[in-house]
Protein backbone atom coordinates (compact mmCIF):
# COMPACT_ATOMS: atom_id res chain seq x y z
CA UNK A 1 264.12 26.25 -113.68
CA UNK A 2 266.80 26.81 -111.03
CA UNK A 3 268.89 28.82 -113.51
CA UNK A 4 265.90 30.98 -114.52
CA UNK A 5 265.05 31.64 -110.87
CA UNK A 6 268.63 32.79 -110.19
CA UNK A 7 268.51 35.17 -113.17
CA UNK A 8 265.13 36.49 -112.05
CA UNK A 9 266.18 37.18 -108.45
CA UNK A 10 269.42 38.92 -109.48
CA UNK A 11 268.08 41.00 -112.37
CA UNK A 12 264.54 41.75 -111.17
CA UNK A 13 263.88 40.66 -107.60
CA UNK A 14 266.95 42.07 -105.87
CA UNK A 15 266.87 45.59 -107.43
CA UNK A 16 263.17 46.00 -106.60
CA UNK A 17 263.76 44.63 -103.10
CA UNK A 18 266.55 47.14 -102.41
CA UNK A 19 264.44 50.08 -103.57
CA UNK A 20 261.44 48.84 -101.56
CA UNK A 21 263.63 48.43 -98.47
CA UNK A 22 264.92 52.00 -98.65
CA UNK A 23 261.44 53.43 -99.27
CA UNK A 24 259.99 51.39 -96.39
CA UNK A 25 262.72 52.54 -94.03
CA UNK A 26 262.25 56.19 -94.98
CA UNK A 27 258.46 55.92 -94.67
CA UNK A 28 258.78 54.33 -91.24
CA UNK A 29 261.21 56.97 -89.99
CA UNK A 30 259.15 59.87 -91.33
CA UNK A 31 255.83 58.46 -90.12
CA UNK A 32 257.15 57.77 -86.61
CA UNK A 33 258.73 61.23 -86.47
CA UNK A 34 255.42 62.87 -87.42
CA UNK A 35 253.52 60.79 -84.86
CA UNK A 36 251.51 57.57 -84.36
CA UNK A 37 254.46 55.21 -84.12
CA UNK A 38 252.03 52.37 -83.37
CA UNK A 39 250.83 52.57 -86.99
CA UNK A 40 253.97 53.63 -88.84
CA UNK A 41 256.20 51.32 -86.85
CA UNK A 42 254.27 48.30 -88.08
CA UNK A 43 252.30 48.65 -91.33
CA UNK A 44 255.06 49.79 -93.73
CA UNK A 45 257.18 46.84 -92.58
CA UNK A 46 254.24 44.47 -92.92
CA UNK A 47 253.60 45.52 -96.52
CA UNK A 48 257.34 45.38 -97.31
CA UNK A 49 257.48 41.82 -95.99
CA UNK A 50 254.45 40.70 -97.98
CA UNK A 51 255.88 42.34 -101.11
CA UNK A 52 259.20 40.54 -100.60
CA UNK A 53 257.55 37.12 -100.46
CA UNK A 54 255.44 37.96 -103.52
CA UNK A 55 258.43 39.40 -105.37
CA UNK A 56 260.48 36.23 -104.95
CA UNK A 57 257.47 34.03 -105.81
CA UNK A 58 257.38 32.32 -102.41
CA UNK A 59 254.07 30.71 -101.37
CA UNK A 60 253.07 31.33 -97.74
CA UNK A 61 250.66 29.35 -95.58
CA UNK A 62 249.55 30.46 -92.12
CA UNK A 63 247.76 28.30 -89.57
CA UNK A 64 246.38 29.21 -86.15
CA UNK A 65 245.17 32.82 -86.40
CA UNK A 66 242.17 31.74 -84.33
CA UNK A 67 244.45 31.47 -81.29
CA UNK A 68 245.01 35.24 -81.16
CA UNK A 69 242.92 37.58 -79.01
CA UNK A 70 243.07 41.18 -80.22
CA UNK A 71 242.88 42.55 -76.66
CA UNK A 72 245.75 40.48 -75.23
CA UNK A 73 249.48 41.22 -75.23
CA UNK A 74 251.64 38.21 -76.04
CA UNK A 75 255.27 37.24 -76.03
CA UNK A 76 255.71 35.43 -79.35
CA UNK A 77 258.68 33.06 -79.55
CA UNK A 78 259.81 31.45 -82.82
CA UNK A 79 262.53 29.17 -84.12
CA UNK A 80 265.09 31.04 -86.22
CA UNK A 81 265.60 29.20 -89.52
CA UNK A 82 266.91 32.06 -91.62
CA UNK A 83 266.62 35.63 -92.90
CA UNK A 84 263.18 35.04 -94.41
CA UNK A 85 261.77 34.41 -90.92
CA UNK A 86 261.50 38.20 -90.69
CA UNK A 87 259.32 38.51 -93.78
CA UNK A 88 257.13 35.55 -92.83
CA UNK A 89 256.37 36.76 -89.30
CA UNK A 90 256.23 40.49 -90.07
CA UNK A 91 254.07 40.04 -93.13
CA UNK A 92 251.69 37.30 -92.05
CA UNK A 93 251.37 37.05 -88.25
CA UNK A 94 248.52 39.55 -88.47
CA UNK A 95 249.32 41.23 -85.17
CA UNK A 96 250.87 44.63 -84.41
CA UNK A 97 254.06 43.96 -82.45
CA UNK A 98 257.61 45.05 -81.73
CA UNK A 99 260.72 43.01 -82.49
CA UNK A 100 263.39 42.16 -79.96
CA UNK A 101 266.60 41.97 -81.99
CA UNK A 102 270.38 41.86 -81.79
CA UNK A 103 272.13 45.18 -81.20
CA UNK A 104 274.30 44.64 -84.30
CA UNK A 105 271.24 45.04 -86.55
CA UNK A 106 271.12 48.72 -85.60
CA UNK A 107 274.16 49.22 -87.88
CA UNK A 108 272.35 48.17 -91.09
CA UNK A 109 271.96 51.28 -93.29
CA UNK A 110 268.40 52.68 -93.31
CA UNK A 111 266.95 49.52 -91.72
CA UNK A 112 268.66 49.99 -88.36
CA UNK A 113 267.45 53.57 -88.02
CA UNK A 114 263.94 52.59 -89.10
CA UNK A 115 263.85 49.85 -86.45
CA UNK A 116 264.98 52.34 -83.84
CA UNK A 117 262.29 54.82 -84.92
CA UNK A 118 259.66 52.07 -84.76
CA UNK A 119 260.53 51.39 -81.12
CA UNK A 120 261.98 47.92 -81.56
CA UNK A 121 264.05 46.54 -78.68
CA UNK A 122 267.78 46.08 -79.29
CA UNK A 123 269.42 43.47 -77.06
CA UNK A 124 272.69 44.76 -75.60
CA UNK A 125 274.67 42.02 -73.83
CA UNK A 126 277.79 44.11 -73.21
CA UNK A 127 277.20 44.34 -69.45
CA UNK A 128 274.68 43.29 -66.78
CA UNK A 129 273.45 46.88 -66.62
CA UNK A 130 272.77 46.95 -70.37
CA UNK A 131 270.93 43.63 -70.19
CA UNK A 132 268.82 45.02 -67.34
CA UNK A 133 268.01 48.14 -69.39
CA UNK A 134 267.00 45.94 -72.34
CA UNK A 135 264.61 43.94 -70.17
CA UNK A 136 263.09 47.10 -68.69
CA UNK A 137 262.60 48.58 -72.16
CA UNK A 138 260.81 45.43 -73.30
CA UNK A 139 258.63 45.49 -70.19
CA UNK A 140 257.47 49.01 -71.05
CA UNK A 141 256.47 47.86 -74.55
CA UNK A 142 254.46 44.94 -73.20
CA UNK A 143 252.85 46.97 -70.42
CA UNK A 144 251.66 49.43 -73.07
CA UNK A 145 249.49 46.72 -74.63
CA UNK A 146 251.81 45.81 -77.51
CA UNK A 147 253.07 42.30 -78.20
CA UNK A 148 256.70 41.31 -78.65
CA UNK A 149 258.32 38.84 -81.07
CA UNK A 150 261.57 37.15 -80.03
CA UNK A 151 263.85 34.48 -81.49
CA UNK A 152 264.92 32.86 -78.19
CA UNK A 153 267.74 30.89 -79.84
CA UNK A 154 269.47 34.23 -80.34
CA UNK A 155 270.90 33.37 -83.76
CA UNK A 156 269.96 31.70 -87.04
CA UNK A 157 270.48 27.97 -87.28
CA UNK A 158 273.30 26.48 -89.36
CA UNK A 159 271.49 23.15 -89.80
CA UNK A 160 267.74 23.78 -89.83
CA UNK A 161 267.49 22.25 -86.35
CA UNK A 162 266.63 24.15 -83.18
CA UNK A 163 269.23 24.99 -80.54
CA UNK A 164 268.90 25.91 -76.86
CA UNK A 165 266.57 28.72 -75.84
CA UNK A 166 267.84 31.75 -73.97
CA UNK A 167 265.77 32.90 -71.00
CA UNK A 168 265.18 36.58 -71.89
CA UNK A 169 261.74 36.33 -73.53
CA UNK A 170 260.48 33.92 -70.90
CA UNK A 171 261.74 36.10 -68.06
CA UNK A 172 259.59 38.90 -69.47
CA UNK A 173 256.55 36.66 -69.69
CA UNK A 174 257.16 35.44 -66.14
CA UNK A 175 257.72 38.91 -64.71
CA UNK A 176 254.59 40.38 -66.33
CA UNK A 177 252.56 37.13 -66.15
CA UNK A 178 251.77 37.25 -69.87
CA UNK A 179 250.93 34.32 -72.14
CA UNK A 180 253.58 33.00 -74.52
CA UNK A 181 252.61 31.98 -78.06
CA UNK A 182 255.08 29.67 -79.83
CA UNK A 183 255.50 30.12 -83.59
CA UNK A 184 256.82 27.35 -85.82
CA UNK A 185 258.61 28.60 -88.93
CA UNK A 186 259.16 26.06 -91.69
CA UNK A 187 260.68 26.64 -95.14
CA UNK A 188 262.86 29.65 -94.47
CA UNK A 189 265.99 27.52 -94.05
CA UNK A 190 265.33 25.84 -97.39
CA UNK A 191 264.99 29.22 -99.11
CA UNK A 192 268.18 30.78 -97.77
CA UNK A 193 270.37 28.82 -95.34
CA UNK A 194 272.62 30.89 -93.13
CA UNK A 195 275.66 30.12 -95.29
CA UNK A 196 273.75 30.58 -98.59
CA UNK A 197 274.09 33.46 -101.04
CA UNK A 198 271.23 32.85 -103.50
CA UNK A 199 267.59 31.99 -102.86
CA UNK A 200 266.03 28.61 -103.50
CA UNK A 201 262.32 28.49 -104.29
CA UNK A 202 260.42 26.86 -101.44
CA UNK A 203 257.05 27.43 -99.73
CA UNK A 204 256.96 28.75 -96.16
CA UNK A 205 254.57 27.87 -93.35
CA UNK A 206 253.89 29.83 -90.17
CA UNK A 207 252.10 27.89 -87.43
CA UNK A 208 250.63 29.95 -84.59
CA UNK A 209 250.22 27.68 -81.57
CA UNK A 210 247.82 27.99 -78.67
CA UNK A 211 248.87 30.40 -75.89
CA UNK A 212 250.84 28.99 -72.97
CA UNK A 213 249.63 30.72 -69.83
CA UNK A 214 251.75 31.29 -66.71
CA UNK A 215 251.20 29.12 -63.66
CA UNK A 216 249.87 32.06 -61.65
CA UNK A 217 253.06 32.63 -59.71
CA UNK A 218 256.42 34.07 -60.67
CA UNK A 219 259.65 32.13 -60.40
CA UNK A 220 261.88 29.42 -61.76
CA UNK A 221 259.13 26.80 -62.00
CA UNK A 222 257.00 29.03 -64.23
CA UNK A 223 260.05 30.05 -66.28
CA UNK A 224 261.13 26.47 -66.95
CA UNK A 225 257.56 25.46 -67.83
CA UNK A 226 257.21 28.26 -70.39
CA UNK A 227 260.54 27.38 -72.00
CA UNK A 228 259.91 23.63 -72.13
CA UNK A 229 256.34 23.86 -73.43
CA UNK A 230 257.28 26.46 -76.06
CA UNK A 231 260.18 24.37 -77.32
CA UNK A 232 258.01 21.26 -77.54
CA UNK A 233 255.23 23.06 -79.42
CA UNK A 234 257.58 24.62 -81.97
CA UNK A 235 259.52 21.43 -82.64
CA UNK A 236 256.34 19.36 -83.02
CA UNK A 237 255.40 21.03 -86.31
CA UNK A 238 258.86 20.94 -87.89
CA UNK A 239 259.58 18.37 -90.62
CA UNK A 240 261.20 15.18 -89.32
CA UNK A 241 264.51 16.09 -90.94
CA UNK A 242 264.78 19.19 -88.72
CA UNK A 243 263.64 17.66 -85.43
CA UNK A 244 266.16 17.16 -82.66
CA UNK A 245 268.35 19.73 -80.92
CA UNK A 246 271.67 20.74 -82.50
CA UNK A 247 273.98 23.11 -80.62
CA UNK A 248 274.57 26.44 -82.35
CA UNK A 249 278.16 27.71 -81.83
CA UNK A 250 277.00 31.26 -82.54
CA UNK A 251 274.52 31.44 -79.66
């Protein structure tokens, strides 16, 4: 079965995926250019993500949609198991949002330009001024009533385990006094580890946890609480083999 799955993904899955990626990027760019970036910056990518999971025959299970309030902006924070995290969250979170992503992703042909057109936030760590501009850009997105999805580890895991969280997403939640919703991603690492080249068939699960609300005052105490409670919630629903912190040299 493993051999047949490899043949399928190379001969059928990958060619269709590449065509779908280009068409999705072009649709997003054109739609956002014509207007209504709120729609075109989200729905083409959502359908592309769902198609990708279907195309590679990957079962998806989602738990916790009842924790979402349509009228509330959230800062979503998720563990970063692998590349398929994108498809799982984008396709199945069920909430219009913007990504906060590494600046280097802007260089990906078609995809980078589509992300820029969609209004996603690129994190530039080259200087304190650039970091400040990134934070301010994210604040504008959240103040406009849109939610934000962030991988606070800053990089994909090499082991399946979680690493330390960076403060950026939690600083935003603290500054704007917005609730944080932790997301547990399970299965993505088993499908395509960071050092892998070919997919392995494996189901994926997205767990949407209850919102973590700020303490009612800004500052270090609130920031540390949001980080600690989010980390604990995400790790709780990981398989035992992936529990426990492992430092990521690429953070």
